[in-house]
Amino acid sequence: MALIDTEEAARRLARAIASDLSLYNEEKIVRGIESDSLFEELSDEIEEGRALYKSRVAPDLYAHNFYDRALVDILVRGRGHIKSLMW
């Protein structure tokens, strides 16, 4: 399989992986936000997603941190209603 070599496709893949994490780990996400330990709570899942993302995109695109940005956008940004020490 060819590596993804466009920014748009790399962003789309990053968001799809982050969306899957959100969909299948809602309880962990809520618990992690409430206790200010979101990234520790989901560390295994995040790293599994990162490995998948890295294996599918060209190295120069991986360096743009699209995956990390997608994690924040999808896992955190829409959950401001959850009480947290973070905000």
N, C-alpha and C. Protein backbone atom coordinates (compact mmCIF):
# COMPACT_ATOMS: atom_id res chain seq x y z
N MET A 1 0.84 -1.17 0.00
CA MET A 1 0.00 0.00 0.00
C MET A 1 0.89 1.24 0.00
N ALA A 2 0.55 2.19 -0.86
CA ALA A 2 1.33 3.43 -0.96
C ALA A 2 1.09 4.31 0.25
N LEU A 3 2.11 5.05 0.62
CA LEU A 3 1.99 5.98 1.74
C LEU A 3 1.17 7.19 1.33
N ILE A 4 0.43 7.72 2.27
CA ILE A 4 -0.32 8.96 2.04
C ILE A 4 0.69 10.08 1.89
N ASP A 5 0.51 10.87 0.82
CA ASP A 5 1.50 11.90 0.54
C ASP A 5 0.91 13.30 0.35
N THR A 6 -0.34 13.48 0.77
CA THR A 6 -0.92 14.82 0.72
C THR A 6 -1.37 15.23 2.12
N GLU A 7 -1.26 16.53 2.40
CA GLU A 7 -1.65 17.02 3.73
C GLU A 7 -3.12 16.75 4.01
N GLU A 8 -3.97 16.94 3.03
CA GLU A 8 -5.41 16.73 3.23
C GLU A 8 -5.70 15.28 3.63
N ALA A 9 -5.11 14.34 2.95
CA ALA A 9 -5.34 12.92 3.26
C ALA A 9 -4.74 12.56 4.62
N ALA A 10 -3.59 13.14 4.95
CA ALA A 10 -2.96 12.87 6.25
C ALA A 10 -3.83 13.41 7.39
N ARG A 11 -4.37 14.60 7.20
CA ARG A 11 -5.27 15.18 8.22
C ARG A 11 -6.52 14.33 8.37
N ARG A 12 -7.06 13.89 7.24
CA ARG A 12 -8.28 13.07 7.26
C ARG A 12 -8.05 11.76 8.00
N LEU A 13 -6.90 11.11 7.75
CA LEU A 13 -6.58 9.87 8.45
C LEU A 13 -6.41 10.13 9.95
N ALA A 14 -5.72 11.20 10.30
CA ALA A 14 -5.51 11.53 11.72
C ALA A 14 -6.85 11.74 12.41
N ARG A 15 -7.75 12.44 11.78
CA ARG A 15 -9.06 12.70 12.37
C ARG A 15 -9.89 11.42 12.46
N ALA A 16 -9.77 10.54 11.48
CA ALA A 16 -10.50 9.28 11.52
C ALA A 16 -10.03 8.41 12.68
N ILE A 17 -8.73 8.36 12.88
CA ILE A 17 -8.19 7.57 13.99
C ILE A 17 -8.63 8.17 15.33
N ALA A 18 -8.53 9.49 15.45
CA ALA A 18 -8.95 10.15 16.68
C ALA A 18 -10.46 9.97 16.91
N SER A 19 -11.23 9.98 15.87
CA SER A 19 -12.67 9.77 15.99
C SER A 19 -12.97 8.36 16.49
N ASP A 20 -12.25 7.39 16.00
CA ASP A 20 -12.42 6.02 16.49
C ASP A 20 -12.07 5.93 17.97
N LEU A 21 -10.99 6.59 18.37
CA LEU A 21 -10.63 6.60 19.79
C LEU A 21 -11.75 7.20 20.62
N SER A 22 -12.33 8.27 20.13
CA SER A 22 -13.42 8.93 20.83
C SER A 22 -14.65 8.03 20.92
N LEU A 23 -14.97 7.40 19.84
CA LEU A 23 -16.15 6.56 19.77
C LEU A 23 -16.07 5.36 20.71
N TYR A 24 -14.92 4.73 20.78
CA TYR A 24 -14.80 3.48 21.53
C TYR A 24 -14.27 3.64 22.96
N ASN A 25 -13.96 4.87 23.37
CA ASN A 25 -13.36 5.07 24.69
C ASN A 25 -13.98 6.21 25.46
N GLU A 26 -15.27 6.43 25.31
CA GLU A 26 -15.94 7.56 25.95
C GLU A 26 -15.73 7.58 27.47
N GLU A 27 -15.90 6.45 28.12
CA GLU A 27 -15.75 6.42 29.59
C GLU A 27 -14.34 6.82 30.02
N LYS A 28 -13.34 6.30 29.33
CA LYS A 28 -11.95 6.66 29.67
C LYS A 28 -11.70 8.14 29.42
N ILE A 29 -12.28 8.67 28.37
CA ILE A 29 -12.08 10.08 28.05
C ILE A 29 -12.69 10.95 29.14
N VAL A 30 -13.90 10.66 29.52
CA VAL A 30 -14.55 11.44 30.58
C VAL A 30 -13.75 11.33 31.87
N ARG A 31 -13.36 10.13 32.25
CA ARG A 31 -12.58 9.92 33.47
C ARG A 31 -11.24 10.68 33.38
N GLY A 32 -10.60 10.64 32.23
CA GLY A 32 -9.33 11.31 32.05
C GLY A 32 -9.44 12.82 32.11
N ILE A 33 -10.51 13.36 31.54
CA ILE A 33 -10.72 14.81 31.61
C ILE A 33 -11.02 15.22 33.04
N GLU A 34 -11.89 14.49 33.70
CA GLU A 34 -12.25 14.83 35.08
C GLU A 34 -11.05 14.81 36.02
N SER A 35 -10.13 13.89 35.80
CA SER A 35 -8.99 13.76 36.70
C SER A 35 -7.70 14.37 36.13
N ASP A 36 -7.84 15.11 35.02
CA ASP A 36 -6.68 15.74 34.37
C ASP A 36 -5.60 14.72 34.03
N SER A 37 -6.02 13.55 33.55
CA SER A 37 -5.07 12.50 33.18
C SER A 37 -5.47 11.84 31.85
N LEU A 38 -6.06 12.65 30.97
CA LEU A 38 -6.60 12.10 29.72
C LEU A 38 -5.57 11.31 28.93
N PHE A 39 -4.40 11.88 28.73
CA PHE A 39 -3.40 11.23 27.88
C PHE A 39 -2.77 10.02 28.56
N GLU A 40 -2.73 10.01 29.87
CA GLU A 40 -2.28 8.82 30.58
C GLU A 40 -3.35 7.73 30.51
N GLU A 41 -4.60 8.14 30.67
CA GLU A 41 -5.73 7.20 30.64
C GLU A 41 -5.82 6.47 29.30
N LEU A 42 -5.51 7.17 28.23
CA LEU A 42 -5.63 6.60 26.88
C LEU A 42 -4.28 6.31 26.23
N SER A 43 -3.24 6.23 27.01
CA SER A 43 -1.89 6.12 26.43
C SER A 43 -1.74 4.93 25.48
N ASP A 44 -2.24 3.78 25.86
CA ASP A 44 -2.10 2.61 24.99
C ASP A 44 -2.86 2.80 23.68
N GLU A 45 -4.07 3.29 23.76
CA GLU A 45 -4.89 3.50 22.57
C GLU A 45 -4.30 4.59 21.68
N ILE A 46 -3.82 5.66 22.30
CA ILE A 46 -3.22 6.75 21.53
C ILE A 46 -1.97 6.27 20.81
N GLU A 47 -1.13 5.49 21.49
CA GLU A 47 0.09 5.01 20.86
C GLU A 47 -0.20 4.00 19.75
N GLU A 48 -1.22 3.19 19.93
CA GLU A 48 -1.63 2.26 18.87
C GLU A 48 -2.09 3.05 17.64
N GLY A 49 -2.87 4.09 17.87
CA GLY A 49 -3.31 4.94 16.77
C GLY A 49 -2.15 5.67 16.12
N ARG A 50 -1.20 6.13 16.93
CA ARG A 50 -0.02 6.82 16.40
C ARG A 50 0.79 5.89 15.50
N ALA A 51 0.95 4.64 15.93
CA ALA A 51 1.71 3.67 15.13
C ALA A 51 1.00 3.42 13.79
N LEU A 52 -0.31 3.31 13.82
CA LEU A 52 -1.06 3.14 12.58
C LEU A 52 -0.89 4.36 11.68
N TYR A 53 -1.05 5.53 12.25
CA TYR A 53 -0.89 6.77 11.48
C TYR A 53 0.51 6.85 10.86
N LYS A 54 1.52 6.60 11.67
CA LYS A 54 2.90 6.69 11.18
C LYS A 54 3.18 5.69 10.06
N SER A 55 2.55 4.53 10.14
CA SER A 55 2.78 3.50 9.11
C SER A 55 2.09 3.83 7.79
N ARG A 56 1.15 4.76 7.81
CA ARG A 56 0.36 5.06 6.62
C ARG A 56 0.71 6.37 5.93
N VAL A 57 1.46 7.26 6.61
CA VAL A 57 1.77 8.55 5.99
C VAL A 57 3.26 8.68 5.70
N ALA A 58 3.57 9.51 4.72
CA ALA A 58 4.97 9.79 4.37
C ALA A 58 5.66 10.46 5.56
N PRO A 59 6.94 10.17 5.76
CA PRO A 59 7.65 10.72 6.93
C PRO A 59 7.60 12.24 7.03
N ASP A 60 7.67 12.95 5.92
CA ASP A 60 7.64 14.41 6.00
C ASP A 60 6.28 14.92 6.49
N LEU A 61 5.21 14.19 6.20
CA LEU A 61 3.89 14.58 6.70
C LEU A 61 3.72 14.20 8.17
N TYR A 62 4.31 13.10 8.57
CA TYR A 62 4.23 12.69 9.98
C TYR A 62 4.80 13.78 10.89
N ALA A 63 5.81 14.46 10.42
CA ALA A 63 6.48 15.50 11.20
C ALA A 63 5.59 16.72 11.43
N HIS A 64 4.47 16.84 10.73
CA HIS A 64 3.58 18.00 10.88
C HIS A 64 2.66 17.90 12.09
N ASN A 65 2.68 16.79 12.80
CA ASN A 65 1.88 16.60 14.02
C ASN A 65 0.37 16.67 13.79
N PHE A 66 -0.11 16.27 12.63
CA PHE A 66 -1.54 16.26 12.37
C PHE A 66 -2.27 15.32 13.34
N TYR A 67 -1.64 14.23 13.71
CA TYR A 67 -2.27 13.27 14.62
C TYR A 67 -2.49 13.90 15.99
N ASP A 68 -1.47 14.54 16.53
CA ASP A 68 -1.61 15.17 17.86
C ASP A 68 -2.67 16.26 17.85
N ARG A 69 -2.71 17.04 16.78
CA ARG A 69 -3.73 18.09 16.67
C ARG A 69 -5.12 17.49 16.62
N ALA A 70 -5.27 16.40 15.89
CA ALA A 70 -6.58 15.74 15.78
C ALA A 70 -7.01 15.21 17.14
N LEU A 71 -6.08 14.68 17.93
CA LEU A 71 -6.42 14.19 19.26
C LEU A 71 -7.01 15.30 20.12
N VAL A 72 -6.37 16.45 20.12
CA VAL A 72 -6.87 17.57 20.93
C VAL A 72 -8.22 18.04 20.39
N ASP A 73 -8.33 18.20 19.08
CA ASP A 73 -9.58 18.68 18.49
C ASP A 73 -10.74 17.75 18.80
N ILE A 74 -10.52 16.46 18.70
CA ILE A 74 -11.62 15.51 18.81
C ILE A 74 -11.84 15.00 20.23
N LEU A 75 -10.77 14.74 20.96
CA LEU A 75 -10.93 14.19 22.30
C LEU A 75 -11.19 15.25 23.36
N VAL A 76 -10.72 16.46 23.16
CA VAL A 76 -10.79 17.47 24.21
C VAL A 76 -11.76 18.60 23.86
N ARG A 77 -11.60 19.18 22.72
CA ARG A 77 -12.30 20.43 22.38
C ARG A 77 -13.82 20.34 22.56
N GLY A 78 -14.43 19.27 22.20
CA GLY A 78 -15.87 19.16 22.29
C GLY A 78 -16.40 18.74 23.65
N ARG A 79 -15.52 18.64 24.63
CA ARG A 79 -15.95 18.16 25.93
C ARG A 79 -15.74 19.19 27.04
N GLY A 80 -15.91 20.45 26.71
CA GLY A 80 -15.75 21.52 27.68
C GLY A 80 -16.80 21.51 28.78
N HIS A 81 -17.86 20.77 28.58
CA HIS A 81 -18.92 20.69 29.59
C HIS A 81 -18.57 19.76 30.75
N ILE A 82 -17.52 18.97 30.59
CA ILE A 82 -17.11 18.04 31.64
C ILE A 82 -16.26 18.80 32.67
N LYS A 83 -16.63 18.69 33.94
CA LYS A 83 -15.86 19.37 34.98
C LYS A 83 -14.45 18.82 35.01
N SER A 84 -13.49 19.74 35.09
CA SER A 84 -12.09 19.34 35.04
C SER A 84 -11.21 20.37 35.70
N LEU A 85 -10.07 19.91 36.18
CA LEU A 85 -9.05 20.80 36.70
C LEU A 85 -8.36 21.56 35.56
N MET A 86 -8.48 21.03 34.32
CA MET A 86 -7.82 21.65 33.18
C MET A 86 -8.44 23.00 32.84
N TRP A 87 -9.71 23.18 33.16
CA TRP A 87 -10.37 24.44 32.88
C TRP A 87 -11.30 24.81 33.93
